[in-house]
PDB file of N, CA and C in Angstrom:
ATOM      1  N   MET A   1     -30.497  -6.295  12.116  1.00  0.00           N
ATOM      2  CA  MET A   1     -29.436  -6.567  11.173  1.00  0.00           C
ATOM      3  C   MET A   1     -29.635  -5.693   9.942  1.00  0.00           C
ATOM      4  N   LEU A   2     -28.528  -5.269   9.408  1.00  0.00           N
ATOM      5  CA  LEU A   2     -28.563  -4.480   8.189  1.00  0.00           C
ATOM      6  C   LEU A   2     -28.020  -5.306   7.039  1.00  0.00           C
ATOM      7  N   TYR A   3     -28.665  -5.210   5.929  1.00  0.00           N
ATOM      8  CA  TYR A   3     -28.215  -5.892   4.727  1.00  0.00           C
ATOM      9  C   TYR A   3     -27.992  -4.858   3.640  1.00  0.00           C
ATOM     10  N   TYR A   4     -26.936  -5.040   2.902  1.00  0.00           N
ATOM     11  CA  TYR A   4     -26.635  -4.140   1.800  1.00  0.00           C
ATOM     12  C   TYR A   4     -26.590  -4.952   0.517  1.00  0.00           C
ATOM     13  N   GLU A   5     -27.185  -4.392  -0.497  1.00  0.00           N
ATOM     14  CA  GLU A   5     -27.155  -5.052  -1.792  1.00  0.00           C
ATOM     15  C   GLU A   5     -25.780  -4.836  -2.416  1.00  0.00           C
ATOM     16  N   ARG A   6     -25.219  -5.891  -2.908  1.00  0.00           N
ATOM     17  CA  ARG A   6     -23.922  -5.802  -3.565  1.00  0.00           C
ATOM     18  C   ARG A   6     -24.160  -5.651  -5.060  1.00  0.00           C
ATOM     19  N   VAL A   7     -23.709  -4.552  -5.579  1.00  0.00           N
ATOM     20  CA  VAL A   7     -23.911  -4.265  -6.988  1.00  0.00           C
ATOM     21  C   VAL A   7     -22.558  -4.280  -7.678  1.00  0.00           C
ATOM     22  N   GLU A   8     -22.471  -5.055  -8.733  1.00  0.00           N
ATOM     23  CA  GLU A   8     -21.235  -5.133  -9.481  1.00  0.00           C
ATOM     24  C   GLU A   8     -21.311  -4.156 -10.643  1.00  0.00           C
ATOM     25  N   LYS A   9     -20.297  -3.308 -10.748  1.00  0.00           N
ATOM     26  CA  LYS A   9     -20.279  -2.370 -11.859  1.00  0.00           C
ATOM     27  C   LYS A   9     -18.861  -2.251 -12.377  1.00  0.00           C
ATOM     28  N   GLU A  10     -18.744  -1.966 -13.651  1.00  0.00           N
ATOM     29  CA  GLU A  10     -17.442  -1.819 -14.260  1.00  0.00           C
ATOM     30  C   GLU A  10     -16.931  -0.412 -14.049  1.00  0.00           C
ATOM     31  N   ILE A  11     -15.662  -0.322 -13.766  1.00  0.00           N
ATOM     32  CA  ILE A  11     -15.032   0.977 -13.575  1.00  0.00           C
ATOM     33  C   ILE A  11     -14.087   1.195 -14.748  1.00  0.00           C
ATOM     34  N   ASP A  12     -14.257   2.306 -15.407  1.00  0.00           N
ATOM     35  CA  ASP A  12     -13.422   2.605 -16.568  1.00  0.00           C
ATOM     36  C   ASP A  12     -12.177   3.372 -16.139  1.00  0.00           C
ATOM     37  N   LEU A  13     -11.092   2.635 -15.936  1.00  0.00           N
ATOM     38  CA  LEU A  13      -9.798   3.227 -15.612  1.00  0.00           C
ATOM     39  C   LEU A  13      -8.782   2.688 -16.602  1.00  0.00           C
ATOM     40  N   ASP A  14      -7.870   3.532 -17.012  1.00  0.00           N
ATOM     41  CA  ASP A  14      -6.795   2.985 -17.817  1.00  0.00           C
ATOM     42  C   ASP A  14      -5.774   2.334 -16.877  1.00  0.00           C
ATOM     43  N   GLU A  15      -4.818   1.652 -17.446  1.00  0.00           N
ATOM     44  CA  GLU A  15      -3.884   0.858 -16.640  1.00  0.00           C
ATOM     45  C   GLU A  15      -3.096   1.725 -15.656  1.00  0.00           C
ATOM     46  N   ASP A  16      -2.621   2.880 -16.105  1.00  0.00           N
ATOM     47  CA  ASP A  16      -1.829   3.752 -15.228  1.00  0.00           C
ATOM     48  C   ASP A  16      -2.652   4.285 -14.062  1.00  0.00           C
ATOM     49  N   GLU A  17      -3.897   4.669 -14.315  1.00  0.00           N
ATOM     50  CA  GLU A  17      -4.765   5.163 -13.240  1.00  0.00           C
ATOM     51  C   GLU A  17      -5.034   4.071 -12.214  1.00  0.00           C
ATOM     52  N   ALA A  18      -5.287   2.847 -12.682  1.00  0.00           N
ATOM     53  CA  ALA A  18      -5.566   1.737 -11.775  1.00  0.00           C
ATOM     54  C   ALA A  18      -4.346   1.418 -10.914  1.00  0.00           C
ATOM     55  N   ILE A  19      -3.159   1.448 -11.510  1.00  0.00           N
ATOM     56  CA  ILE A  19      -1.933   1.171 -10.761  1.00  0.00           C
ATOM     57  C   ILE A  19      -1.697   2.258  -9.722  1.00  0.00           C
ATOM     58  N   ASN A  20      -1.839   3.516 -10.112  1.00  0.00           N
ATOM     59  CA  ASN A  20      -1.644   4.623  -9.166  1.00  0.00           C
ATOM     60  C   ASN A  20      -2.644   4.566  -8.024  1.00  0.00           C
ATOM     61  N   GLU A  21      -3.886   4.227  -8.324  1.00  0.00           N
ATOM     62  CA  GLU A  21      -4.911   4.119  -7.281  1.00  0.00           C
ATOM     63  C   GLU A  21      -4.574   2.996  -6.304  1.00  0.00           C
ATOM     64  N   ALA A  22      -4.119   1.848  -6.824  1.00  0.00           N
ATOM     65  CA  ALA A  22      -3.756   0.718  -5.967  1.00  0.00           C
ATOM     66  C   ALA A  22      -2.558   1.061  -5.085  1.00  0.00           C
ATOM     67  N   VAL A  23      -1.550   1.711  -5.657  1.00  0.00           N
ATOM     68  CA  VAL A  23      -0.357   2.089  -4.891  1.00  0.00           C
ATOM     69  C   VAL A  23      -0.722   3.083  -3.796  1.00  0.00           C
ATOM     70  N   ASN A  24      -1.542   4.065  -4.117  1.00  0.00           N
ATOM     71  CA  ASN A  24      -1.954   5.054  -3.114  1.00  0.00           C
ATOM     72  C   ASN A  24      -2.751   4.416  -1.985  1.00  0.00           C
ATOM     73  N   GLU A  25      -3.602   3.448  -2.319  1.00  0.00           N
ATOM     74  CA  GLU A  25      -4.400   2.766  -1.298  1.00  0.00           C
ATOM     75  C   GLU A  25      -3.509   1.952  -0.361  1.00  0.00           C
ATOM     76  N   VAL A  26      -2.536   1.246  -0.923  1.00  0.00           N
ATOM     77  CA  VAL A  26      -1.623   0.445  -0.104  1.00  0.00           C
ATOM     78  C   VAL A  26      -0.734   1.354   0.748  1.00  0.00           C
ATOM     79  N   GLU A  27      -0.277   2.460   0.171  1.00  0.00           N
ATOM     80  CA  GLU A  27       0.561   3.402   0.917  1.00  0.00           C
ATOM     81  C   GLU A  27      -0.209   4.008   2.089  1.00  0.00           C
ATOM     82  N   LYS A  28      -1.440   4.369   1.862  1.00  0.00           N
ATOM     83  CA  LYS A  28      -2.272   4.936   2.924  1.00  0.00           C
ATOM     84  C   LYS A  28      -2.471   3.917   4.048  1.00  0.00           C
ATOM     85  N   SER A  29      -2.709   2.663   3.688  1.00  0.00           N
ATOM     86  CA  SER A  29      -2.883   1.606   4.678  1.00  0.00           C
ATOM     87  C   SER A  29      -1.599   1.396   5.482  1.00  0.00           C
ATOM     88  N   LEU A  30      -0.455   1.417   4.808  1.00  0.00           N
ATOM     89  CA  LEU A  30       0.827   1.239   5.485  1.00  0.00           C
ATOM     90  C   LEU A  30       1.102   2.384   6.449  1.00  0.00           C
ATOM     91  N   LEU A  31       0.877   3.610   6.012  1.00  0.00           N
ATOM     92  CA  LEU A  31       1.157   4.767   6.863  1.00  0.00           C
ATOM     93  C   LEU A  31       0.259   4.802   8.094  1.00  0.00           C
ATOM     94  N   ASN A  32      -0.921   4.214   8.016  1.00  0.00           N
ATOM     95  CA  ASN A  32      -1.792   4.113   9.187  1.00  0.00           C
ATOM     96  C   ASN A  32      -1.209   3.175  10.237  1.00  0.00           C
ATOM     97  N   GLU A  33      -0.412   2.200   9.818  1.00  0.00           N
ATOM     98  CA  GLU A  33       0.167   1.216  10.728  1.00  0.00           C
ATOM     99  C   GLU A  33       1.485   1.682  11.347  1.00  0.00           C
ATOM    100  N   LEU A  34       2.145   2.655  10.750  1.00  0.00           N
ATOM    101  CA  LEU A  34       3.454   3.100  11.223  1.00  0.00           C
ATOM    102  C   LEU A  34       3.320   4.209  12.257  1.00  0.00           C
ATOM    103  N   THR A  35       4.406   4.422  13.008  1.00  0.00           N
ATOM    104  CA  THR A  35       4.421   5.527  13.967  1.00  0.00           C
ATOM    105  C   THR A  35       4.662   6.837  13.228  1.00  0.00           C
ATOM    106  N   ARG A  36       4.504   7.930  13.950  1.00  0.00           N
ATOM    107  CA  ARG A  36       4.666   9.248  13.327  1.00  0.00           C
ATOM    108  C   ARG A  36       6.111   9.553  12.967  1.00  0.00           C
ATOM    109  N   GLU A  37       7.052   8.881  13.627  1.00  0.00           N
ATOM    110  CA  GLU A  37       8.462   9.124  13.326  1.00  0.00           C
ATOM    111  C   GLU A  37       8.897   8.467  12.027  1.00  0.00           C
ATOM    112  N   ALA A  38       8.134   7.525  11.539  1.00  0.00           N
ATOM    113  CA  ALA A  38       8.499   6.812  10.320  1.00  0.00           C
ATOM    114  C   ALA A  38       8.423   7.745   9.117  1.00  0.00           C
ATOM    115  N   VAL A  39       9.417   7.612   8.253  1.00  0.00           N
ATOM    116  CA  VAL A  39       9.484   8.451   7.059  1.00  0.00           C
ATOM    117  C   VAL A  39       9.560   7.542   5.837  1.00  0.00           C
ATOM    118  N   LEU A  40       8.712   7.795   4.875  1.00  0.00           N
ATOM    119  CA  LEU A  40       8.739   7.055   3.619  1.00  0.00           C
ATOM    120  C   LEU A  40       9.868   7.622   2.767  1.00  0.00           C
ATOM    121  N   VAL A  41      10.914   6.815   2.557  1.00  0.00           N
ATOM    122  CA  VAL A  41      12.090   7.266   1.829  1.00  0.00           C
ATOM    123  C   VAL A  41      11.927   7.032   0.334  1.00  0.00           C
ATOM    124  N   ASP A  42      11.417   5.863  -0.036  1.00  0.00           N
ATOM    125  CA  ASP A  42      11.310   5.510  -1.445  1.00  0.00           C
ATOM    126  C   ASP A  42      10.250   4.442  -1.608  1.00  0.00           C
ATOM    127  N   LYS A  43       9.718   4.323  -2.803  1.00  0.00           N
ATOM    128  CA  LYS A  43       8.833   3.212  -3.126  1.00  0.00           C
ATOM    129  C   LYS A  43       9.191   2.697  -4.508  1.00  0.00           C
ATOM    130  N   ILE A  44       9.277   1.394  -4.604  1.00  0.00           N
ATOM    131  CA  ILE A  44       9.644   0.727  -5.845  1.00  0.00           C
ATOM    132  C   ILE A  44       8.403   0.001  -6.343  1.00  0.00           C
ATOM    133  N   ILE A  45       7.975   0.327  -7.542  1.00  0.00           N
ATOM    134  CA  ILE A  45       6.742  -0.230  -8.097  1.00  0.00           C
ATOM    135  C   ILE A  45       7.095  -1.109  -9.291  1.00  0.00           C
ATOM    136  N   GLU A  46       6.655  -2.361  -9.233  1.00  0.00           N
ATOM    137  CA  GLU A  46       6.839  -3.288 -10.345  1.00  0.00           C
ATOM    138  C   GLU A  46       5.464  -3.741 -10.807  1.00  0.00           C
ATOM    139  N   THR A  47       5.235  -3.712 -12.102  1.00  0.00           N
ATOM    140  CA  THR A  47       3.951  -4.158 -12.644  1.00  0.00           C
ATOM    141  C   THR A  47       4.185  -5.248 -13.672  1.00  0.00           C
ATOM    142  N   LYS A  48       3.218  -6.147 -13.747  1.00  0.00           N
ATOM    143  CA  LYS A  48       3.286  -7.239 -14.703  1.00  0.00           C
ATOM    144  C   LYS A  48       1.882  -7.475 -15.232  1.00  0.00           C
ATOM    145  N   LYS A  49       1.746  -7.519 -16.530  1.00  0.00           N
ATOM    146  CA  LYS A  49       0.449  -7.750 -17.161  1.00  0.00           C
ATOM    147  C   LYS A  49       0.189  -9.256 -17.199  1.00  0.00           C
ATOM    148  N   GLU A  50      -0.924  -9.680 -16.634  1.00  0.00           N
ATOM    149  CA  GLU A  50      -1.306 -11.089 -16.612  1.00  0.00           C
ATOM    150  C   GLU A  50      -1.968 -11.468 -17.940  1.00  0.00           C
ATOM    151  N   GLU A  51      -2.050 -12.762 -18.211  1.00  0.00           N
ATOM    152  CA  GLU A  51      -2.668 -13.238 -19.450  1.00  0.00           C
ATOM    153  C   GLU A  51      -4.165 -12.953 -19.497  1.00  0.00           C
ATOM    154  N   ASP A  52      -4.804 -12.909 -18.319  1.00  0.00           N
ATOM    155  CA  ASP A  52      -6.249 -12.686 -18.279  1.00  0.00           C
ATOM    156  C   ASP A  52      -6.623 -11.208 -18.346  1.00  0.00           C
ATOM    157  N   GLY A  53      -5.630 -10.332 -18.566  1.00  0.00           N
ATOM    158  CA  GLY A  53      -5.912  -8.911 -18.698  1.00  0.00           C
ATOM    159  C   GLY A  53      -5.721  -8.117 -17.423  1.00  0.00           C
ATOM    160  N   ASN A  54      -5.540  -8.800 -16.302  1.00  0.00           N
ATOM    161  CA  ASN A  54      -5.311  -8.109 -15.034  1.00  0.00           C
ATOM    162  C   ASN A  54      -3.852  -7.678 -14.929  1.00  0.00           C
ATOM    163  N   ALA A  55      -3.594  -6.749 -14.054  1.00  0.00           N
ATOM    164  CA  ALA A  55      -2.228  -6.293 -13.813  1.00  0.00           C
ATOM    165  C   ALA A  55      -1.824  -6.684 -12.401  1.00  0.00           C
ATOM    166  N   LEU A  56      -0.654  -7.265 -12.258  1.00  0.00           N
ATOM    167  CA  LEU A  56      -0.092  -7.616 -10.958  1.00  0.00           C
ATOM    168  C   LEU A  56       0.838  -6.477 -10.550  1.00  0.00           C
ATOM    169  N   VAL A  57       0.584  -5.896  -9.387  1.00  0.00           N
ATOM    170  CA  VAL A  57       1.357  -4.745  -8.927  1.00  0.00           C
ATOM    171  C   VAL A  57       2.082  -5.127  -7.647  1.00  0.00           C
ATOM    172  N   LYS A  58       3.402  -4.983  -7.651  1.00  0.00           N
ATOM    173  CA  LYS A  58       4.216  -5.209  -6.459  1.00  0.00           C
ATOM    174  C   LYS A  58       4.800  -3.868  -6.048  1.00  0.00           C
ATOM    175  N   VAL A  59       4.639  -3.534  -4.778  1.00  0.00           N
ATOM    176  CA  VAL A  59       5.158  -2.269  -4.270  1.00  0.00           C
ATOM    177  C   VAL A  59       6.066  -2.560  -3.086  1.00  0.00           C
ATOM    178  N   ILE A  60       7.280  -2.040  -3.135  1.00  0.00           N
ATOM    179  CA  ILE A  60       8.223  -2.159  -2.028  1.00  0.00           C
ATOM    180  C   ILE A  60       8.418  -0.759  -1.464  1.00  0.00           C
ATOM    181  N   PHE A  61       8.111  -0.606  -0.181  1.00  0.00           N
ATOM    182  CA  PHE A  61       8.272   0.680   0.482  1.00  0.00           C
ATOM    183  C   PHE A  61       9.556   0.663   1.292  1.00  0.00           C
ATOM    184  N   VAL A  62      10.364   1.699   1.149  1.00  0.00           N
ATOM    185  CA  VAL A  62      11.571   1.866   1.952  1.00  0.00           C
ATOM    186  C   VAL A  62      11.222   2.889   3.029  1.00  0.00           C
ATOM    187  N   ILE A  63      11.236   2.418   4.290  1.00  0.00           N
ATOM    188  CA  ILE A  63      10.829   3.235   5.429  1.00  0.00           C
ATOM    189  C   ILE A  63      12.033   3.476   6.325  1.00  0.00           C
ATOM    190  N   GLU A  64      12.181   4.695   6.794  1.00  0.00           N
ATOM    191  CA  GLU A  64      13.224   5.024   7.761  1.00  0.00           C
ATOM    192  C   GLU A  64      12.547   5.289   9.097  1.00  0.00           C
ATOM    193  N   GLN A  65      12.979   4.519  10.112  1.00  0.00           N
ATOM    194  CA  GLN A  65      12.342   4.645  11.419  1.00  0.00           C
ATOM    195  C   GLN A  65      13.351   4.288  12.500  1.00  0.00           C
ATOM    196  N   ASN A  66      13.339   5.026  13.597  1.00  0.00           N
ATOM    197  CA  ASN A  66      14.196   4.728  14.729  1.00  0.00           C
ATOM    198  C   ASN A  66      13.540   3.601  15.525  1.00  0.00           C
ATOM    199  N   ILE A  67      14.197   2.438  15.559  1.00  0.00           N
ATOM    200  CA  ILE A  67      13.618   1.293  16.267  1.00  0.00           C
ATOM    201  C   ILE A  67      14.352   0.993  17.572  1.00  0.00           C
ATOM    202  N   VAL A  68      15.250   1.890  17.961  1.00  0.00           N
ATOM    203  CA  VAL A  68      16.006   1.716  19.202  1.00  0.00           C
ATOM    204  C   VAL A  68      15.114   2.091  20.372  1.00  0.00           C
ATOM    205  N   ASN A  69      15.127   1.238  21.390  1.00  0.00           N
ATOM    206  CA  ASN A  69      14.364   1.501  22.597  1.00  0.00           C
ATOM    207  C   ASN A  69      15.170   2.445  23.483  1.00  0.00           C
ATOM    208  N   ASP A  70      14.555   3.494  23.994  1.00  0.00           N
ATOM    209  CA  ASP A  70      15.254   4.480  24.819  1.00  0.00           C
ATOM    210  C   ASP A  70      15.474   4.018  26.255  1.00  0.00           C
ATOM    211  N   ILE A  71      14.907   2.907  26.644  1.00  0.00           N
ATOM    212  CA  ILE A  71      15.045   2.406  28.012  1.00  0.00           C
ATOM    213  C   ILE A  71      16.374   1.662  28.136  1.00  0.00           C
ATOM    214  N   LEU A  72      17.184   2.066  29.115  1.00  0.00           N
ATOM    215  CA  LEU A  72      18.467   1.417  29.334  1.00  0.00           C
ATOM    216  C   LEU A  72      18.265   0.072  30.015  1.00  0.00           C
ATOM    217  N   THR A  73      19.050  -0.906  29.611  1.00  0.00           N
ATOM    218  CA  THR A  73      18.961  -2.239  30.179  1.00  0.00           C
ATOM    219  C   THR A  73      20.232  -2.527  30.969  1.00  0.00           C
ATOM    220  N   ASP A  74      20.088  -2.981  32.210  1.00  0.00           N
ATOM    221  CA  ASP A  74      21.244  -3.358  33.028  1.00  0.00           C
ATOM    222  C   ASP A  74      21.552  -4.822  32.787  1.00  0.00           C
ATOM    223  N   TYR A  75      22.827  -5.110  32.535  1.00  0.00           N
ATOM    224  CA  TYR A  75      23.246  -6.489  32.324  1.00  0.00           C
ATOM    225  C   TYR A  75      24.014  -6.990  33.506  1.00  0.00           C
TER     226      TYR A  75
END
């Protein structure tokens, strides 16, 4: 078994850098789940500053993808 020590450290990022980093991480994760035909058309980013100093980031991705099945179905 391998054990790793968990070290907590502060990262000095301003609010804009932290938001951009979070959006890029979520976008990368989403694109890994989509097919190659999917195209990212737009992304809508909403941020809200929490009372405890944290920022809440909501990202809506607009994706264009052909979801039609090419197999013909006989009825």
